[in-house]
């Protein structure tokens, strides 16, 4: 019987079966994007785990997640303005009481790994990426995407403080798991820590293929670093049909830059999303992705991907045996436009069945098998010394 307020996980040790108390920490549970899909898979792997998160909207996450006991931070009442609360998040994370837990699994791309765990507990961090706005993308956030001089002046000291905290909090992690080779390299560069790679889970078996219609597709949060504006401008000029799935702070500016051939679908149901993938001509990925779950979802639908040739797309999109898409080298409108034209000549090479078979390597079963092995094993060499 489960004791009230405690999460348990069975593991095998030399002495036999050990009952462990488990916590999953995720930065915020406000929607169902790639990071939340990983949490969902972890919830199935660790069905008795308790969840800790900075912000929580139960109506915007899956029933698998909401069925767990969820603990929120003292910032929860201000969740509508969560993007502006980054300087307070370290304190909020450190306020979680994780006494009594034997295993803590953090899911990191916003701050999550900075929780304070008991010295007797094991802390495994599944890292989607070190925080972009503090490291890789900080110059762009500060100098290009922040237009207010006042905000820019405030950002400099706060970002400095947060980088120090983020680097220091990496020492609280026993083992890092990276979602891709791309992120493994970032972890090594940012935190000077080694990690093992376990690709995120994709429900590949739920996607299907049908004959293509005349529209291209983008599936993304509407934020600047995704570079959706480039694709919007290209399609406003070429007149081809484009459907955009997702929501975010850039919606208004992207809508202003679009033309009548660009349709904004907003957030859609899982069923409708699968239908959009199945019917599209190709998926566009104009920004650098950490891994690129949407690319795998397109491939699982037998559809190709036209992607910027950086980051995780290089690990998910095959360009031969089978042909799953095409890369372009520069993040410019002209390069994307030329890539679309080049793809027209190669489109006949697509073999939907071969793409669907290729995508099977990213299934949730593969993720679960690899994560179970890590969580059952003793601390690995990726732990700090």
Protein backbone atom coordinates (compact mmCIF):
# COMPACT_ATOMS: atom_id res chain seq x y z
CA UNK A 1 0.00 0.00 0.00
CA UNK A 2 1.21 3.49 -0.80
CA UNK A 3 1.83 5.67 2.24
CA UNK A 4 0.22 9.13 2.03
CA UNK A 5 2.47 11.87 0.71
CA UNK A 6 5.34 9.59 -0.35
CA UNK A 7 6.24 8.36 -3.84
CA UNK A 8 7.78 4.94 -4.26
CA UNK A 9 9.81 3.26 -6.98
CA UNK A 10 10.91 -0.36 -7.00
CA UNK A 11 14.50 -0.96 -7.97
CA UNK A 12 16.76 -3.98 -7.89
CA UNK A 13 19.89 -3.95 -5.77
CA UNK A 14 22.37 -6.69 -4.87
CA UNK A 15 20.48 -7.31 -1.68
CA UNK A 16 17.14 -7.65 -3.47
CA UNK A 17 14.19 -5.32 -4.10
CA UNK A 18 14.50 -1.83 -2.66
CA UNK A 19 11.57 0.56 -2.23
CA UNK A 20 12.57 4.09 -3.25
CA UNK A 21 10.75 7.39 -2.82
CA UNK A 22 10.83 9.43 -6.03
CA UNK A 23 10.30 13.06 -7.04
CA UNK A 24 10.19 14.48 -10.57
CA UNK A 25 11.06 18.19 -10.88
CA UNK A 26 10.07 20.13 -14.01
CA UNK A 27 10.46 23.86 -14.58
CA UNK A 28 6.79 24.59 -15.34
CA UNK A 29 3.70 22.66 -16.40
CA UNK A 30 1.76 25.20 -18.44
CA UNK A 31 1.31 23.35 -21.74
CA UNK A 32 2.26 20.13 -23.55
CA UNK A 33 5.43 20.74 -25.55
CA UNK A 34 8.49 18.55 -25.91
CA UNK A 35 9.67 18.90 -22.32
CA UNK A 36 6.25 18.04 -20.97
CA UNK A 37 6.10 14.96 -23.22
CA UNK A 38 9.27 13.77 -21.51
CA UNK A 39 7.69 14.39 -18.09
CA UNK A 40 4.64 12.45 -19.24
CA UNK A 41 6.84 9.46 -20.18
CA UNK A 42 8.67 9.74 -16.84
CA UNK A 43 5.31 9.68 -15.08
CA UNK A 44 4.48 6.41 -16.81
CA UNK A 45 7.91 5.02 -15.95
CA UNK A 46 7.62 6.21 -12.34
CA UNK A 47 3.87 5.93 -11.69
CA UNK A 48 4.12 6.69 -7.96
CA UNK A 49 6.39 9.74 -8.30
CA UNK A 50 5.44 13.13 -6.91
CA UNK A 51 5.85 16.17 -9.18
CA UNK A 52 7.42 19.50 -8.20
CA UNK A 53 7.11 22.50 -10.52
CA UNK A 54 7.33 26.28 -10.37
CA UNK A 55 3.99 26.87 -12.15
CA UNK A 56 1.09 24.56 -12.93
CA UNK A 57 -2.05 24.75 -15.07
CA UNK A 58 -3.81 21.39 -14.65
CA UNK A 59 -6.18 22.01 -17.56
CA UNK A 60 -3.29 22.46 -20.01
CA UNK A 61 -1.39 19.23 -19.36
CA UNK A 62 -2.22 15.58 -19.96
CA UNK A 63 -4.25 13.44 -17.59
CA UNK A 64 -1.14 11.31 -17.06
CA UNK A 65 0.63 14.28 -15.50
CA UNK A 66 -2.34 15.70 -13.62
CA UNK A 67 -3.06 12.30 -12.04
CA UNK A 68 0.15 12.66 -9.99
CA UNK A 69 0.47 14.69 -6.81
CA UNK A 70 1.79 18.09 -7.97
CA UNK A 71 3.59 20.53 -5.65
CA UNK A 72 3.93 24.12 -6.86
CA UNK A 73 6.22 26.94 -5.74
CA UNK A 74 5.34 30.17 -3.95
CA UNK A 75 5.37 31.83 -7.39
CA UNK A 76 2.28 29.88 -8.52
CA UNK A 77 -0.16 32.82 -8.00
CA UNK A 78 1.86 34.84 -10.54
CA UNK A 79 1.99 32.14 -13.23
CA UNK A 80 0.33 34.34 -15.86
CA UNK A 81 3.53 36.42 -15.89
CA UNK A 82 5.97 33.55 -15.48
CA UNK A 83 8.36 34.78 -18.19
CA UNK A 84 9.22 37.88 -16.13
CA UNK A 85 9.90 35.93 -12.90
CA UNK A 86 13.18 34.28 -13.91
CA UNK A 87 15.31 36.12 -11.26
CA UNK A 88 13.08 34.68 -8.49
CA UNK A 89 13.07 31.11 -9.78
CA UNK A 90 16.29 29.94 -8.04
CA UNK A 91 14.82 30.85 -4.65
CA UNK A 92 11.54 29.19 -5.53
CA UNK A 93 13.26 25.96 -6.57
CA UNK A 94 15.38 25.90 -3.43
CA UNK A 95 12.25 26.26 -1.30
CA UNK A 96 10.95 22.81 -2.30
CA UNK A 97 11.15 20.34 0.60
CA UNK A 98 12.59 17.13 -0.82
CA UNK A 99 13.38 15.47 2.49
CA UNK A 100 12.45 11.81 2.46
CA UNK A 101 13.04 11.26 -1.25
CA UNK A 102 15.67 8.76 -2.39
CA UNK A 103 15.65 9.63 -6.10
CA UNK A 104 15.11 13.04 -7.72
CA UNK A 105 14.75 13.28 -11.50
CA UNK A 106 14.87 16.86 -12.79
CA UNK A 107 13.76 17.88 -16.27
CA UNK A 108 15.81 20.91 -17.27
CA UNK A 109 15.76 23.62 -19.91
CA UNK A 110 14.30 26.31 -17.74
CA UNK A 111 15.67 26.11 -14.20
CA UNK A 112 14.84 22.79 -12.56
CA UNK A 113 18.07 21.11 -11.51
CA UNK A 114 18.72 23.75 -8.81
CA UNK A 115 16.61 22.02 -6.18
CA UNK A 116 18.30 21.16 -2.89
CA UNK A 117 18.22 17.39 -2.36
CA UNK A 118 19.20 15.38 0.72
CA UNK A 119 22.81 14.17 0.77
CA UNK A 120 21.51 10.60 0.76
CA UNK A 121 19.39 11.11 -2.40
CA UNK A 122 20.46 10.53 -5.99
CA UNK A 123 19.80 13.38 -8.43
CA UNK A 124 19.54 12.55 -12.14
CA UNK A 125 19.00 15.51 -14.49
CA UNK A 126 17.41 14.94 -17.91
CA UNK A 127 18.66 18.03 -19.74
CA UNK A 128 16.83 19.31 -22.81
CA UNK A 129 19.42 22.11 -22.98
CA UNK A 130 21.27 24.45 -20.61
CA UNK A 131 19.10 27.57 -20.31
CA UNK A 132 19.22 29.21 -23.73
CA UNK A 133 18.59 32.77 -22.56
CA UNK A 134 21.63 32.61 -20.24
CA UNK A 135 24.11 30.83 -22.48
CA UNK A 136 23.92 30.17 -26.24
CA UNK A 137 21.23 32.74 -27.04
CA UNK A 138 22.10 35.38 -24.44
CA UNK A 139 23.76 37.83 -26.92
CA UNK A 140 20.71 37.67 -29.18
CA UNK A 141 18.24 38.10 -26.29
CA UNK A 142 20.15 41.10 -24.95
CA UNK A 143 21.22 42.88 -28.11
CA UNK A 144 18.60 41.98 -30.73
CA UNK A 145 15.39 40.66 -29.17
CA UNK A 146 15.15 43.07 -26.20
CA UNK A 147 14.17 46.46 -27.58
CA UNK A 148 13.74 48.33 -24.31
CA UNK A 149 16.91 50.04 -23.05
CA UNK A 150 15.58 49.75 -19.50
CA UNK A 151 15.06 45.99 -19.81
CA UNK A 152 18.47 45.61 -21.40
CA UNK A 153 20.11 47.43 -18.51
CA UNK A 154 18.35 45.20 -15.98
CA UNK A 155 19.10 42.04 -17.91
CA UNK A 156 22.88 42.38 -17.67
CA UNK A 157 23.32 42.07 -13.86
CA UNK A 158 20.45 39.58 -13.47
CA UNK A 159 21.83 37.32 -16.21
CA UNK A 160 25.28 37.47 -14.63
CA UNK A 161 23.85 36.38 -11.26
CA UNK A 162 21.75 33.64 -12.85
CA UNK A 163 24.69 32.24 -14.83
CA UNK A 164 26.71 31.92 -11.63
CA UNK A 165 23.79 30.18 -9.92
CA UNK A 166 23.12 27.92 -12.92
CA UNK A 167 26.75 26.80 -13.13
CA UNK A 168 26.94 26.24 -9.37
CA UNK A 169 23.67 24.29 -9.31
CA UNK A 170 25.08 21.82 -11.85
CA UNK A 171 27.26 20.51 -9.01
CA UNK A 172 24.06 19.40 -7.23
CA UNK A 173 23.41 16.85 -9.99
CA UNK A 174 24.85 13.34 -9.68
CA UNK A 175 24.28 12.35 -13.32
CA UNK A 176 23.30 14.26 -16.45
CA UNK A 177 21.29 12.73 -19.28
CA UNK A 178 21.26 14.74 -22.53
CA UNK A 179 18.44 14.58 -25.04
CA UNK A 180 20.86 14.62 -28.01
CA UNK A 181 24.53 14.71 -28.95
CA UNK A 182 24.00 18.39 -29.63
CA UNK A 183 22.93 18.99 -26.02
CA UNK A 184 25.61 16.65 -24.67
CA UNK A 185 28.21 19.00 -26.18
CA UNK A 186 26.44 22.03 -24.66
CA UNK A 187 26.41 20.41 -21.21
CA UNK A 188 30.13 19.72 -21.50
CA UNK A 189 30.86 23.29 -22.62
CA UNK A 190 28.54 25.01 -20.13
CA UNK A 191 28.86 22.91 -16.98
CA UNK A 192 32.10 20.96 -17.68
CA UNK A 193 30.18 17.76 -17.00
CA UNK A 194 29.88 14.52 -18.94
CA UNK A 195 26.47 13.06 -19.83
CA UNK A 196 24.86 10.13 -21.56
CA UNK A 197 22.42 10.60 -24.45
CA UNK A 198 18.83 9.37 -24.34
CA UNK A 199 16.63 10.81 -27.07
CA UNK A 200 13.22 12.09 -25.93
CA UNK A 201 10.16 9.89 -26.45
CA UNK A 202 7.83 10.30 -29.41
CA UNK A 203 4.54 8.41 -29.71
CA UNK A 204 5.52 7.39 -33.24
CA UNK A 205 2.90 4.63 -33.44
CA UNK A 206 0.06 7.18 -33.19
CA UNK A 207 1.01 9.05 -36.40
CA UNK A 208 -0.14 8.05 -39.87
CA UNK A 209 0.37 8.93 -43.52
CA UNK A 210 -2.00 10.05 -46.24
CA UNK A 211 -1.53 11.73 -49.63
CA UNK A 212 -0.08 15.23 -49.36
CA UNK A 213 -2.17 18.33 -49.78
CA UNK A 214 -0.74 21.62 -51.00
CA UNK A 215 0.29 23.13 -47.66
CA UNK A 216 3.54 23.21 -45.74
CA UNK A 217 3.53 23.03 -41.95
CA UNK A 218 5.31 24.57 -38.96
CA UNK A 219 4.70 23.31 -35.41
CA UNK A 220 6.34 25.45 -32.76
CA UNK A 221 6.01 27.80 -29.86
CA UNK A 222 5.87 31.29 -31.35
CA UNK A 223 9.10 32.71 -29.92
CA UNK A 224 11.92 34.62 -31.60
CA UNK A 225 14.69 32.05 -31.43
CA UNK A 226 12.62 29.61 -33.51
CA UNK A 227 13.04 32.04 -36.46
CA UNK A 228 9.48 31.50 -37.66
CA UNK A 229 9.48 35.05 -39.00
CA UNK A 230 11.87 33.95 -41.75
CA UNK A 231 9.46 31.29 -43.01
CA UNK A 232 6.51 33.68 -42.74
CA UNK A 233 8.28 36.23 -44.96
CA UNK A 234 9.33 33.58 -47.49
CA UNK A 235 5.80 32.25 -47.84
CA UNK A 236 4.30 35.73 -47.97
CA UNK A 237 6.43 36.21 -51.09
CA UNK A 238 6.15 32.81 -52.78
CA UNK A 239 2.37 32.45 -52.33
CA UNK A 240 2.50 28.81 -51.23
CA UNK A 241 0.17 27.64 -48.48
CA UNK A 242 1.58 27.47 -44.97
CA UNK A 243 -0.12 26.38 -41.75
CA UNK A 244 1.37 27.36 -38.40
CA UNK A 245 0.50 25.39 -35.25
CA UNK A 246 1.33 26.89 -31.87
CA UNK A 247 1.00 30.00 -29.76
CA UNK A 248 3.32 32.39 -28.00
CA UNK A 249 4.47 35.98 -27.54
CA UNK A 250 5.37 36.49 -31.21
CA UNK A 251 1.88 35.76 -32.53
CA UNK A 252 0.94 39.38 -33.29
CA UNK A 253 4.18 40.29 -35.03
CA UNK A 254 4.12 37.08 -37.10
CA UNK A 255 0.50 37.67 -38.03
CA UNK A 256 1.33 41.20 -39.21
CA UNK A 257 4.15 39.88 -41.41
CA UNK A 258 2.01 37.15 -42.98
CA UNK A 259 -0.19 37.09 -46.07
CA UNK A 260 -3.52 35.42 -46.83
CA UNK A 261 -1.83 32.14 -47.79
CA UNK A 262 -0.51 31.71 -44.20
CA UNK A 263 -2.98 30.17 -41.73
CA UNK A 264 -2.39 30.34 -37.96
CA UNK A 265 -4.04 27.33 -36.34
CA UNK A 266 -3.16 28.16 -32.72
CA UNK A 267 -2.99 25.27 -30.29
CA UNK A 268 -4.68 22.16 -31.65
CA UNK A 269 -5.65 18.80 -30.20
CA UNK A 270 -3.33 15.81 -30.55
CA UNK A 271 -5.78 14.26 -33.02
CA UNK A 272 -5.90 17.39 -35.18
CA UNK A 273 -2.11 17.73 -35.06
CA UNK A 274 -1.65 14.18 -36.36
CA UNK A 275 -4.03 15.00 -39.18
CA UNK A 276 -2.07 18.14 -40.08
CA UNK A 277 1.18 16.20 -40.17
CA UNK A 278 -0.39 13.44 -42.28
CA UNK A 279 -1.65 15.86 -44.92
CA UNK A 280 1.23 18.32 -45.21
CA UNK A 281 3.71 18.50 -48.06
CA UNK A 282 6.68 19.03 -45.70
CA UNK A 283 7.49 20.29 -42.22
CA UNK A 284 9.59 23.46 -41.91
CA UNK A 285 12.15 23.94 -39.12
CA UNK A 286 13.75 27.36 -39.71
CA UNK A 287 15.46 27.60 -36.29
CA UNK A 288 18.12 25.57 -34.52
CA UNK A 289 16.52 22.86 -32.38
CA UNK A 290 17.98 21.14 -29.32
CA UNK A 291 16.65 17.83 -30.61
CA UNK A 292 13.59 18.37 -32.79
CA UNK A 293 10.61 16.29 -31.68
CA UNK A 294 8.47 17.85 -34.42
CA UNK A 295 10.86 16.48 -37.04
CA UNK A 296 10.40 12.97 -35.68
CA UNK A 297 6.62 13.44 -35.63
CA UNK A 298 6.72 14.49 -39.29
CA UNK A 299 8.89 11.49 -40.22
CA UNK A 300 6.52 9.19 -38.30
CA UNK A 301 3.79 10.61 -40.56
CA UNK A 302 5.85 9.76 -43.65
CA UNK A 303 6.54 13.44 -44.36
CA UNK A 304 9.87 15.16 -45.12
CA UNK A 305 11.52 17.99 -43.19
CA UNK A 306 13.12 21.16 -44.58
CA UNK A 307 15.42 22.33 -41.79
CA UNK A 308 18.22 24.69 -40.89
CA UNK A 309 21.27 22.45 -40.87
CA UNK A 310 22.23 22.99 -37.24
CA UNK A 311 21.64 21.36 -33.86
CA UNK A 312 19.36 18.43 -33.27
CA UNK A 313 17.95 18.31 -36.80
CA UNK A 314 21.27 16.82 -37.93
CA UNK A 315 20.56 13.85 -35.63
CA UNK A 316 16.89 13.32 -36.48
CA UNK A 317 16.47 14.06 -40.21
CA UNK A 318 18.04 11.53 -42.62
CA UNK A 319 19.13 12.90 -45.98
CA UNK A 320 19.78 9.51 -47.57
CA UNK A 321 18.78 5.89 -46.94
CA UNK A 322 15.99 6.99 -46.50
CA UNK A 323 15.65 10.51 -47.85
CA UNK A 324 13.82 12.37 -45.12
CA UNK A 325 14.35 15.99 -46.09
CA UNK A 326 16.87 18.65 -46.90
CA UNK A 327 19.10 21.04 -44.93
CA UNK A 328 20.08 24.60 -45.69
CA UNK A 329 23.23 26.16 -44.26
CA UNK A 330 22.41 29.79 -43.42
CA UNK A 331 19.57 31.19 -41.29
CA UNK A 332 18.42 33.62 -43.99
CA UNK A 333 15.23 34.06 -45.99
CA UNK A 334 17.13 33.52 -49.22
CA UNK A 335 18.65 30.23 -48.07
CA UNK A 336 15.27 28.90 -46.96
CA UNK A 337 13.65 29.97 -50.22
CA UNK A 338 16.33 28.18 -52.24
CA UNK A 339 15.96 25.06 -50.08
CA UNK A 340 12.23 24.90 -50.81
CA UNK A 341 12.93 25.20 -54.53
CA UNK A 342 15.62 22.50 -54.35
CA UNK A 343 13.23 20.24 -52.50
CA UNK A 344 10.70 20.44 -55.33
CA UNK A 345 13.13 18.42 -57.49
CA UNK A 346 13.64 15.75 -54.81
CA UNK A 347 10.13 15.34 -53.48
CA UNK A 348 9.52 12.27 -55.63
CA UNK A 349 12.27 10.43 -53.71
CA UNK A 350 10.17 10.26 -50.55
CA UNK A 351 9.16 6.78 -49.38
CA UNK A 352 6.64 7.27 -46.54
CA UNK A 353 6.94 3.69 -45.23
CA UNK A 354 10.72 3.99 -44.97
CA UNK A 355 10.42 7.28 -43.03
CA UNK A 356 7.91 5.77 -40.63
CA UNK A 357 10.22 2.81 -40.02
CA UNK A 358 13.15 5.15 -39.43
CA UNK A 359 11.17 7.17 -36.86
CA UNK A 360 10.53 4.04 -34.78
CA UNK A 361 14.01 4.39 -33.21
CA UNK A 362 12.69 7.42 -31.26
CA UNK A 363 9.73 5.60 -29.69
CA UNK A 364 8.72 5.91 -26.06
CA UNK A 365 9.59 2.23 -25.60
CA UNK A 366 13.21 3.02 -26.51
CA UNK A 367 13.25 5.99 -24.13
CA UNK A 368 11.73 3.97 -21.29
CA UNK A 369 14.17 1.09 -21.71
CA UNK A 370 17.21 3.40 -21.61
CA UNK A 371 15.96 5.57 -18.74
CA UNK A 372 14.97 2.54 -16.68
CA UNK A 373 18.50 1.17 -17.07
CA UNK A 374 19.97 4.48 -15.88
CA UNK A 375 17.64 4.85 -12.91
CA UNK A 376 18.14 1.23 -11.84
CA UNK A 377 21.92 1.41 -12.16
CA UNK A 378 24.41 2.67 -9.58
CA UNK A 379 25.72 6.22 -10.04
CA UNK A 380 27.62 6.42 -13.33
CA UNK A 381 30.90 8.04 -14.32
CA UNK A 382 28.93 11.14 -15.36
CA UNK A 383 28.67 12.05 -11.67
CA UNK A 384 30.97 14.77 -10.31
CA UNK A 385 34.16 13.75 -8.56
